[in-house]
Amino acid sequence: MARVTETQALEIADRAVVEATSSGADAAEATVSIAKRFHVEARETVVSKLEQSIAKSLHLRVFVDGRKASLTTSDLSPNGLRGAIERTIARAGHVASDALAGLPDEFATDVPTLELYDRHIESRGGDEKIEETLALERLIRGADARIVNSSGSHYADASSVTAIANSAGFAASYASTRASRSTGPVAVDGTVKRTAHYGTAARHFAELEGSAAVAQIAARRAVELFGAKKPATMRVPVIFERDVASSILDDLFAAISAANVATGNSWLIDRVGTRIGSGCVSVVDDGRLEGKLGSSPFDGEGVATRRTVVLEEGLLQTFLYDTYYARKLGAMSTGNSNGSGVGANNLYLEPGTASLEELIAATPRGILVLDTIGFATEHASGTYSRGARGFFIEGGELAYPIDEFTIAGAYVDMLAGIDAVASDLRFDGGVVSPSFRVAEMTISGN
């Protein structure tokens, strides 16, 4: 399948904008995304799923007399575009006028490459990807006799072009790639069954963790909690391993999103300029980190991405905005539009210098959380509660596995209580975090 070029995608976006303004729109914006995708899943010794496709879409926003309407279509033919535009403009007639709706006032003036595209991903053959995935499945099954099944081993990649054009004269595009591999072993010990998952993702194939490393970590996760005990209820230091830490940062993103602030669904309303975390807590959103999964030269509205310090040594500096919610709250866009709302670029907690092992060694008694269960976050009040699994720490060492306990607290107390941050930050998503330790939290067990 031939790759659609940035020029071709930009021509489609330009044509849609011209059609929309010619058909009665006061302003219009068109985003074209075209992605060549590959995915293989292996189970035991066979390929259980094989997918290859080219996905095409156009997202159109039109503004008519202060009324905004949007539509997404996969039909990029001239007739298809014409029909989509007519339907979108007709929809605008049924929407209330909103003085805040409209295109941004400023757009990106440069389009750096940011090392988002890896030609090697697109040039790799399908047979090589399939054999690699079958090998990953063999590796997890051979790692431990107790691993008897899996939910599948996977390899996926995509090569994409994104183009945005609008009636204010902005037109730009970029190419990007993404690859990932993951596996989900299932282990049985007597009558107890444990499942686990581990994966790696990157813009560049060479930056993926190797199949052997992925299999080793996934297999260890599947078997290391056999014999787990339910701990006593206590208040102790809690170390959140980086994958769990990332989910906590994802909850923090919900609170710093201007969309939630504007609608009253954030515990951080009126807290800009105040301390909400310890001096260990510096959180940054940076859309221009080279080669990272959340990077792009401009956001979903064509606004330049940038480095935004959200928390600096515990002080809340700003929320994250798209154009609409920036206008609503009297601010400026931070380049965080995902095309339909506020989104994270590369949001991360700045790492420390100690390894996770050193954090554990510096904890005389506590809990290491490796996995959480359930969703019990209340963003308006800022309360956190999760079922969890992990290890009890005694004498600076992992003493024994534990599960069937609950961790609960308030986010403001959790952030204020972070007293150590590890160095194990890994950019394998848009919201990421190194492991960190909270000085004291409530553990509800026996």
Protein backbone atom coordinates (compact mmCIF):
# COMPACT_ATOMS: atom_id res chain seq x y z
CA MET A 1 0.00 0.00 0.00
CA ALA A 2 1.48 3.30 -1.08
CA ARG A 3 1.96 5.97 1.56
CA VAL A 4 -0.19 9.07 1.21
CA THR A 5 2.06 12.11 1.29
CA GLU A 6 1.74 15.19 3.44
CA THR A 7 1.13 17.23 0.29
CA GLN A 8 -1.84 15.07 -0.69
CA ALA A 9 -3.35 15.26 2.80
CA LEU A 10 -2.90 19.03 2.89
CA GLU A 11 -4.58 19.39 -0.52
CA ILE A 12 -7.65 17.53 0.80
CA ALA A 13 -7.79 19.76 3.90
CA ASP A 14 -7.43 22.92 1.79
CA ARG A 15 -10.18 21.79 -0.57
CA ALA A 16 -12.55 21.14 2.34
CA VAL A 17 -11.96 24.63 3.77
CA VAL A 18 -12.57 26.32 0.40
CA GLU A 19 -15.76 24.30 -0.09
CA ALA A 20 -17.00 25.19 3.40
CA THR A 21 -16.44 28.94 3.09
CA SER A 22 -17.95 28.90 -0.42
CA SER A 23 -21.02 27.15 0.99
CA GLY A 24 -21.78 29.73 3.67
CA ALA A 25 -19.38 29.19 6.57
CA ASP A 26 -17.87 32.34 8.09
CA ALA A 27 -14.82 30.29 9.12
CA ALA A 28 -13.75 26.67 8.74
CA GLU A 29 -11.05 24.25 9.80
CA ALA A 30 -10.26 20.84 8.33
CA THR A 31 -7.98 18.17 9.81
CA VAL A 32 -7.01 15.22 7.63
CA SER A 33 -5.45 12.12 9.14
CA ILE A 34 -4.29 9.17 7.05
CA ALA A 35 -2.62 6.19 8.74
CA LYS A 36 -1.21 2.94 7.39
CA ARG A 37 -1.61 0.38 10.19
CA PHE A 38 -0.39 -3.14 10.93
CA HIS A 39 -1.28 -5.41 13.88
CA VAL A 40 -0.52 -9.04 14.62
CA GLU A 41 -1.60 -11.10 17.64
CA ALA A 42 -0.11 -14.50 18.45
CA ARG A 43 -1.39 -17.16 20.83
CA GLU A 44 0.55 -20.35 21.52
CA THR A 45 2.10 -21.27 18.15
CA VAL A 46 -0.37 -19.60 15.80
CA VAL A 47 -1.31 -16.14 14.57
CA SER A 48 -4.73 -15.43 16.05
CA LYS A 49 -5.24 -12.01 14.46
CA LEU A 50 -3.66 -10.19 11.53
CA GLU A 51 -4.81 -6.74 10.45
CA GLN A 52 -3.47 -4.33 7.85
CA SER A 53 -5.31 -1.22 6.73
CA ILE A 54 -5.21 2.39 5.64
CA ALA A 55 -7.47 4.56 7.78
CA LYS A 56 -8.55 7.93 6.40
CA SER A 57 -10.53 10.62 8.16
CA LEU A 58 -11.41 14.28 7.89
CA HIS A 59 -12.58 16.27 10.90
CA LEU A 60 -14.35 19.47 9.87
CA ARG A 61 -15.35 22.42 12.05
CA VAL A 62 -17.45 25.25 10.64
CA PHE A 63 -18.58 28.52 12.23
CA VAL A 64 -21.72 30.25 10.98
CA ASP A 65 -23.01 33.41 12.71
CA GLY A 66 -21.34 32.38 16.00
CA ARG A 67 -22.65 28.84 15.76
CA LYS A 68 -20.20 25.92 15.63
CA ALA A 69 -20.79 22.49 14.15
CA SER A 70 -18.38 19.63 13.49
CA LEU A 71 -18.38 16.37 11.60
CA THR A 72 -15.95 13.50 10.97
CA THR A 73 -16.01 11.44 7.80
CA SER A 74 -13.88 8.75 6.17
CA ASP A 75 -15.14 9.56 2.67
CA LEU A 76 -12.52 11.91 1.23
CA SER A 77 -13.79 11.85 -2.34
CA PRO A 78 -14.95 15.18 -3.85
CA ASN A 79 -18.60 14.14 -3.58
CA GLY A 80 -18.07 12.79 -0.08
CA LEU A 81 -16.47 16.02 1.08
CA ARG A 82 -19.20 18.10 -0.49
CA GLY A 83 -21.89 16.09 1.28
CA ALA A 84 -20.07 16.28 4.62
CA ILE A 85 -19.70 20.04 4.34
CA GLU A 86 -23.36 20.54 3.48
CA ARG A 87 -24.43 18.42 6.48
CA THR A 88 -22.08 20.26 8.83
CA ILE A 89 -23.28 23.71 7.79
CA ALA A 90 -26.89 22.54 8.12
CA ARG A 91 -26.15 21.35 11.65
CA ALA A 92 -24.81 24.77 12.58
CA GLY A 93 -28.28 26.20 12.03
CA HIS A 94 -29.57 24.10 14.96
CA VAL A 95 -26.88 25.16 17.45
CA ALA A 96 -27.03 28.09 19.87
CA SER A 97 -24.69 31.00 19.18
CA ASP A 98 -21.56 31.09 21.33
CA ALA A 99 -19.37 34.20 21.37
CA LEU A 100 -16.38 32.12 22.50
CA ALA A 101 -16.48 29.72 19.56
CA GLY A 102 -14.10 30.33 16.68
CA LEU A 103 -10.66 29.69 15.28
CA PRO A 104 -7.57 30.50 17.37
CA ASP A 105 -6.12 34.01 17.17
CA GLU A 106 -2.56 32.75 16.66
CA PHE A 107 -1.11 29.70 14.93
CA ALA A 108 2.20 27.88 14.76
CA THR A 109 4.74 29.81 12.72
CA ASP A 110 7.21 26.92 12.48
CA VAL A 111 6.82 23.19 11.87
CA PRO A 112 9.91 21.42 13.21
CA THR A 113 10.24 17.72 12.37
CA LEU A 114 10.76 16.73 16.04
CA GLU A 115 12.09 13.33 14.84
CA LEU A 116 8.57 11.86 14.79
CA TYR A 117 9.02 9.63 11.72
CA ASP A 118 11.03 6.42 11.42
CA ARG A 119 11.38 5.13 7.87
CA HIS A 120 12.50 1.73 9.20
CA ILE A 121 9.04 1.06 10.68
CA GLU A 122 7.41 1.45 7.29
CA SER A 123 10.05 -0.61 5.46
CA ARG A 124 9.85 -3.71 7.68
CA GLY A 125 8.19 -6.74 6.13
CA GLY A 126 5.07 -8.38 7.52
CA ASP A 127 6.73 -11.82 7.86
CA GLU A 128 9.40 -10.33 10.11
CA LYS A 129 6.78 -8.74 12.37
CA ILE A 130 4.78 -11.97 12.57
CA GLU A 131 7.80 -14.11 13.48
CA GLU A 132 8.84 -11.56 16.09
CA THR A 133 5.41 -11.78 17.74
CA LEU A 134 5.38 -15.59 17.69
CA ALA A 135 8.83 -15.49 19.30
CA LEU A 136 7.52 -13.19 22.06
CA GLU A 137 4.76 -15.69 22.78
CA ARG A 138 7.33 -18.50 23.00
CA LEU A 139 9.48 -16.44 25.34
CA ILE A 140 6.75 -15.84 27.94
CA ARG A 141 5.66 -19.48 27.89
CA GLY A 142 9.23 -20.64 28.33
CA ALA A 143 10.01 -18.21 31.14
CA ASP A 144 8.21 -20.16 33.91
CA ALA A 145 6.44 -23.53 34.02
CA ARG A 146 3.49 -21.90 35.75
CA ILE A 147 2.73 -19.75 32.70
CA VAL A 148 0.20 -21.91 30.88
CA ASN A 149 -1.65 -19.45 28.69
CA SER A 150 -1.77 -15.85 27.55
CA SER A 151 -4.23 -13.19 26.48
CA GLY A 152 -2.02 -12.78 23.41
CA SER A 153 1.32 -11.35 22.35
CA HIS A 154 1.10 -8.32 20.08
CA TYR A 155 3.06 -6.19 17.66
CA ALA A 156 1.52 -3.09 16.07
CA ASP A 157 2.75 -0.12 14.11
CA ALA A 158 1.39 2.84 12.19
CA SER A 159 2.75 5.38 9.73
CA SER A 160 0.65 8.53 9.61
CA VAL A 161 0.32 11.95 8.07
CA THR A 162 -1.65 14.76 9.71
CA ALA A 163 -2.63 17.96 7.93
CA ILE A 164 -4.58 20.98 9.15
CA ALA A 165 -5.87 23.90 7.10
CA ASN A 166 -8.24 26.72 8.03
CA SER A 167 -9.82 29.82 6.56
CA ALA A 168 -7.47 32.11 8.53
CA GLY A 169 -4.64 31.06 6.24
CA PHE A 170 -2.96 28.40 8.38
CA ALA A 171 -1.92 25.23 6.56
CA ALA A 172 0.66 22.73 7.81
CA SER A 173 1.32 19.01 8.07
CA TYR A 174 3.66 16.45 9.57
CA ALA A 175 4.43 12.73 9.30
CA SER A 176 4.82 10.38 12.26
CA THR A 177 5.27 6.74 13.13
CA ARG A 178 4.51 4.57 16.14
CA ALA A 179 5.35 0.98 17.06
CA SER A 180 4.51 -1.19 20.06
CA ARG A 181 4.91 -4.71 21.37
CA SER A 182 3.18 -6.23 24.37
CA THR A 183 2.22 -9.52 25.93
CA GLY A 184 -0.20 -10.84 28.56
CA PRO A 185 0.88 -14.08 30.27
CA VAL A 186 -1.53 -16.16 32.37
CA ALA A 187 0.01 -18.20 35.20
CA VAL A 188 -1.52 -20.93 37.38
CA ASP A 189 -0.18 -22.19 40.72
CA GLY A 190 -2.47 -24.80 42.24
CA THR A 191 -5.94 -23.29 42.26
CA VAL A 192 -4.73 -19.71 41.93
CA LYS A 193 -4.58 -17.97 38.55
CA ARG A 194 -2.69 -14.72 37.93
CA THR A 195 -2.71 -12.53 34.83
CA ALA A 196 -0.22 -9.83 33.91
CA HIS A 197 0.62 -7.45 31.10
CA TYR A 198 3.64 -5.52 29.95
CA GLY A 199 4.38 -3.55 26.83
CA THR A 200 6.58 -0.96 25.19
CA ALA A 201 5.81 1.78 22.65
CA ALA A 202 7.84 4.40 20.80
CA ARG A 203 8.03 6.58 17.70
CA HIS A 204 11.19 4.77 16.56
CA PHE A 205 11.55 1.00 16.31
CA ALA A 206 15.04 1.04 17.80
CA GLU A 207 13.68 2.64 20.99
CA LEU A 208 11.32 -0.24 21.77
CA GLU A 209 12.32 -2.51 24.60
CA GLY A 210 13.48 -5.84 23.18
CA SER A 211 11.22 -8.89 23.06
CA ALA A 212 13.34 -10.70 25.68
CA ALA A 213 13.05 -7.80 28.13
CA VAL A 214 9.28 -7.45 27.56
CA ALA A 215 8.79 -11.20 28.08
CA GLN A 216 10.94 -11.24 31.21
CA ILE A 217 9.08 -8.39 32.90
CA ALA A 218 5.63 -9.71 31.89
CA ALA A 219 6.45 -13.21 33.13
CA ARG A 220 7.80 -11.89 36.42
CA ARG A 221 4.64 -9.86 36.94
CA ALA A 222 2.53 -12.95 36.32
CA VAL A 223 4.21 -15.15 38.95
CA GLU A 224 5.66 -12.84 41.60
CA LEU A 225 2.39 -12.34 43.50
CA PHE A 226 1.65 -16.03 44.08
CA GLY A 227 1.25 -16.61 47.81
CA ALA A 228 0.12 -13.03 48.40
CA LYS A 229 -1.37 -12.16 51.79
CA LYS A 230 -3.96 -9.58 52.73
CA PRO A 231 -2.15 -6.95 54.83
CA ALA A 232 -3.35 -5.38 58.04
CA THR A 233 -4.92 -1.94 57.98
CA MET A 234 -2.14 0.58 58.60
CA ARG A 235 -0.63 3.94 57.71
CA VAL A 236 2.75 3.49 56.01
CA PRO A 237 4.87 4.95 53.22
CA VAL A 238 3.64 3.88 49.78
CA ILE A 239 5.82 3.58 46.67
CA PHE A 240 3.90 3.67 43.39
CA GLU A 241 5.74 1.83 40.60
CA ARG A 242 5.97 3.92 37.42
CA ASP A 243 3.01 2.37 35.56
CA VAL A 244 0.72 2.99 38.54
CA ALA A 245 2.31 6.40 39.07
CA SER A 246 1.39 7.29 35.48
CA SER A 247 -2.27 6.52 36.19
CA ILE A 248 -2.16 8.91 39.16
CA LEU A 249 -0.68 11.61 36.92
CA ASP A 250 -3.48 10.91 34.44
CA ASP A 251 -5.96 11.69 37.22
CA LEU A 252 -4.03 14.90 37.91
CA PHE A 253 -4.35 15.83 34.23
CA ALA A 254 -8.14 15.62 34.57
CA ALA A 255 -7.93 18.19 37.37
CA ILE A 256 -5.63 20.60 35.46
CA SER A 257 -7.66 20.39 32.24
CA ALA A 258 -9.32 23.76 31.71
CA ALA A 259 -12.40 21.95 30.40
CA ASN A 260 -12.98 20.39 33.84
CA VAL A 261 -12.01 23.58 35.66
CA ALA A 262 -14.54 25.60 33.63
CA THR A 263 -17.35 23.10 34.32
CA GLY A 264 -16.65 22.82 38.07
CA ASN A 265 -15.31 19.27 37.87
CA SER A 266 -11.85 19.88 39.33
CA TRP A 267 -10.54 20.08 42.87
CA LEU A 268 -7.99 22.65 41.68
CA ILE A 269 -10.42 25.49 40.93
CA ASP A 270 -8.97 28.80 42.22
CA ARG A 271 -5.72 27.06 43.25
CA VAL A 272 -3.31 28.53 40.64
CA GLY A 273 -0.43 30.16 42.51
CA THR A 274 -0.88 27.98 45.60
CA ARG A 275 1.12 24.99 46.83
CA ILE A 276 -0.55 21.66 46.14
CA GLY A 277 2.49 19.38 46.20
CA SER A 278 5.83 18.89 47.89
CA GLY A 279 9.07 20.36 46.61
CA CYS A 280 9.69 17.03 44.80
CA VAL A 281 6.70 17.60 42.52
CA SER A 282 7.43 19.38 39.24
CA VAL A 283 5.03 18.48 36.43
CA VAL A 284 5.62 19.56 32.83
CA ASP A 285 3.62 19.26 29.62
CA ASP A 286 5.92 19.47 26.59
CA GLY A 287 4.64 18.91 23.06
CA ARG A 288 8.02 19.52 21.45
CA LEU A 289 10.18 16.82 23.00
CA GLU A 290 11.99 15.17 20.09
CA GLY A 291 10.83 11.70 19.19
CA LYS A 292 8.23 11.31 21.94
CA LEU A 293 4.77 9.81 21.50
CA GLY A 294 2.91 12.92 22.64
CA SER A 295 4.92 15.35 20.51
CA SER A 296 3.71 17.30 17.49
CA PRO A 297 4.66 20.68 15.99
CA PHE A 298 1.14 22.03 16.48
CA ASP A 299 -1.97 20.95 18.35
CA GLY A 300 -5.38 19.94 17.03
CA GLU A 301 -6.23 23.59 16.19
CA GLY A 302 -2.90 24.54 14.60
CA VAL A 303 -1.63 26.32 17.71
CA ALA A 304 2.09 25.83 18.35
CA THR A 305 2.88 23.22 20.97
CA ARG A 306 5.28 24.25 23.71
CA ARG A 307 6.80 23.43 27.09
CA THR A 308 4.39 24.35 29.88
CA VAL A 309 5.41 24.03 33.53
CA VAL A 310 2.21 23.02 35.32
CA LEU A 311 3.64 22.48 38.80
CA GLU A 312 7.01 23.86 39.86
CA GLU A 313 8.32 22.36 43.10
CA GLY A 314 4.76 21.89 44.30
CA LEU A 315 3.36 25.27 43.21
CA LEU A 316 0.49 25.15 40.71
CA GLN A 317 1.49 27.49 37.87
CA THR A 318 -1.26 27.03 35.29
CA PHE A 319 -4.01 24.85 33.87
CA LEU A 320 -3.80 23.38 30.36
CA TYR A 321 -5.96 25.09 27.74
CA ASP A 322 -7.30 24.81 24.24
CA THR A 323 -8.64 27.94 22.52
CA TYR A 324 -12.25 27.70 23.69
CA TYR A 325 -11.59 27.15 27.38
CA ALA A 326 -8.78 29.69 27.38
CA ARG A 327 -11.29 32.29 26.20
CA LYS A 328 -13.82 31.09 28.76
CA LEU A 329 -11.36 31.43 31.63
CA GLY A 330 -9.55 34.55 30.41
CA ALA A 331 -6.27 32.82 29.56
CA MET A 332 -4.24 31.87 26.48
CA SER A 333 -4.12 28.48 24.78
CA THR A 334 -1.19 26.34 25.92
CA GLY A 335 -1.29 24.34 22.68
CA ASN A 336 -3.24 21.50 24.26
CA SER A 337 -6.15 21.00 21.90
CA ASN A 338 -6.72 17.44 20.72
CA GLY A 339 -9.16 18.67 18.09
CA SER A 340 -12.28 18.23 20.19
CA GLY A 341 -11.20 19.36 23.66
CA VAL A 342 -8.21 19.64 25.98
CA GLY A 343 -5.59 16.90 25.73
CA ALA A 344 -2.15 16.16 27.14
CA ASN A 345 0.93 16.28 24.93
CA ASN A 346 3.85 14.78 26.89
CA LEU A 347 2.72 15.29 30.49
CA TYR A 348 5.26 13.99 32.99
CA LEU A 349 6.55 14.24 36.53
CA GLU A 350 10.19 15.29 36.42
CA PRO A 351 12.37 12.37 37.57
CA GLY A 352 14.72 12.23 40.51
CA THR A 353 18.16 10.63 40.68
CA ALA A 354 17.53 7.46 42.71
CA SER A 355 16.51 4.13 41.18
CA LEU A 356 13.34 2.33 42.25
CA GLU A 357 15.53 -0.19 44.06
CA GLU A 358 17.14 2.64 46.02
CA LEU A 359 13.71 4.01 46.97
CA ILE A 360 12.78 0.57 48.31
CA ALA A 361 16.09 0.26 50.20
CA ALA A 362 15.44 3.68 51.80
CA THR A 363 12.02 2.57 53.08
CA PRO A 364 12.29 0.66 56.39
CA ARG A 365 8.62 -0.36 56.32
CA GLY A 366 6.01 0.29 53.66
CA ILE A 367 4.18 -0.85 50.54
CA LEU A 368 5.24 -1.13 46.90
CA VAL A 369 2.18 -0.87 44.65
CA LEU A 370 2.55 -2.73 41.35
CA ASP A 371 -1.06 -2.74 40.17
CA THR A 372 -4.36 -1.06 40.99
CA ILE A 373 -7.91 -2.24 40.43
CA GLY A 374 -11.11 -0.29 39.88
CA PHE A 375 -11.90 3.37 39.28
CA ALA A 376 -12.83 5.42 42.32
CA THR A 377 -11.50 8.90 41.63
CA GLU A 378 -13.71 11.90 42.40
CA HIS A 379 -12.23 14.76 40.39
CA ALA A 380 -14.39 17.51 41.89
CA SER A 381 -13.40 16.72 45.48
CA GLY A 382 -9.98 15.23 44.71
CA THR A 383 -10.42 11.92 46.51
CA TYR A 384 -8.52 8.76 45.51
CA SER A 385 -9.40 5.15 46.30
CA ARG A 386 -8.17 2.00 44.56
CA GLY A 387 -7.87 -1.70 45.17
CA ALA A 388 -4.22 -2.68 44.91
CA ARG A 389 -1.60 -5.43 44.70
CA GLY A 390 2.10 -5.33 45.40
CA PHE A 391 4.71 -6.09 48.05
CA PHE A 392 5.17 -5.38 51.73
CA ILE A 393 8.52 -3.70 52.38
CA GLU A 394 10.42 -4.54 55.56
CA GLY A 395 13.97 -3.52 56.39
CA GLY A 396 14.35 -1.86 53.00
CA GLU A 397 13.60 -5.10 51.14
CA LEU A 398 10.57 -6.68 49.45
CA ALA A 399 9.39 -9.05 52.21
CA TYR A 400 6.34 -10.79 50.71
CA PRO A 401 3.54 -10.17 48.15
CA ILE A 402 0.23 -8.65 49.25
CA ASP A 403 -3.17 -8.12 47.62
CA GLU A 404 -6.85 -7.49 48.39
CA PHE A 405 -6.16 -4.14 50.04
CA THR A 406 -7.33 -0.60 49.33
CA ILE A 407 -5.32 2.62 49.15
CA ALA A 408 -7.25 5.80 49.87
CA GLY A 409 -6.50 9.46 50.35
CA ALA A 410 -6.92 12.99 49.02
CA TYR A 411 -4.85 14.08 46.04
CA VAL A 412 -3.72 17.25 47.81
CA ASP A 413 -2.33 15.10 50.65
CA MET A 414 -0.78 12.58 48.26
CA LEU A 415 1.03 15.25 46.24
CA ALA A 416 2.11 17.08 49.40
CA GLY A 417 3.37 13.79 50.81
CA ILE A 418 5.64 12.82 47.91
CA ASP A 419 9.09 12.72 49.50
CA ALA A 420 11.10 10.83 46.85
CA VAL A 421 10.94 10.46 43.07
CA ALA A 422 12.80 7.76 41.16
CA SER A 423 14.81 8.07 37.96
CA ASP A 424 12.87 5.43 35.95
CA LEU A 425 10.84 7.80 33.74
CA ARG A 426 9.95 6.20 30.40
CA PHE A 427 8.13 8.06 27.60
CA ASP A 428 5.87 5.27 26.36
CA GLY A 429 2.66 7.31 26.28
CA GLY A 430 1.27 10.82 26.46
CA VAL A 431 1.01 10.86 30.28
CA VAL A 432 3.98 9.25 32.05
CA SER A 433 5.69 9.28 35.43
CA PRO A 434 8.66 7.80 37.23
CA SER A 435 8.03 5.77 40.39
CA PHE A 436 7.54 7.90 43.52
CA ARG A 437 7.01 7.50 47.25
CA VAL A 438 4.28 9.10 49.37
CA ALA A 439 5.47 9.46 52.97
CA GLU A 440 2.28 8.05 54.50
CA MET A 441 -1.07 6.74 53.29
CA THR A 442 -3.90 4.65 54.66
CA ILE A 443 -3.90 0.98 53.66
CA SER A 444 -7.19 -0.80 54.35
CA GLY A 445 -6.74 -4.56 54.73
CA ASN A 446 -7.59 -6.95 57.55
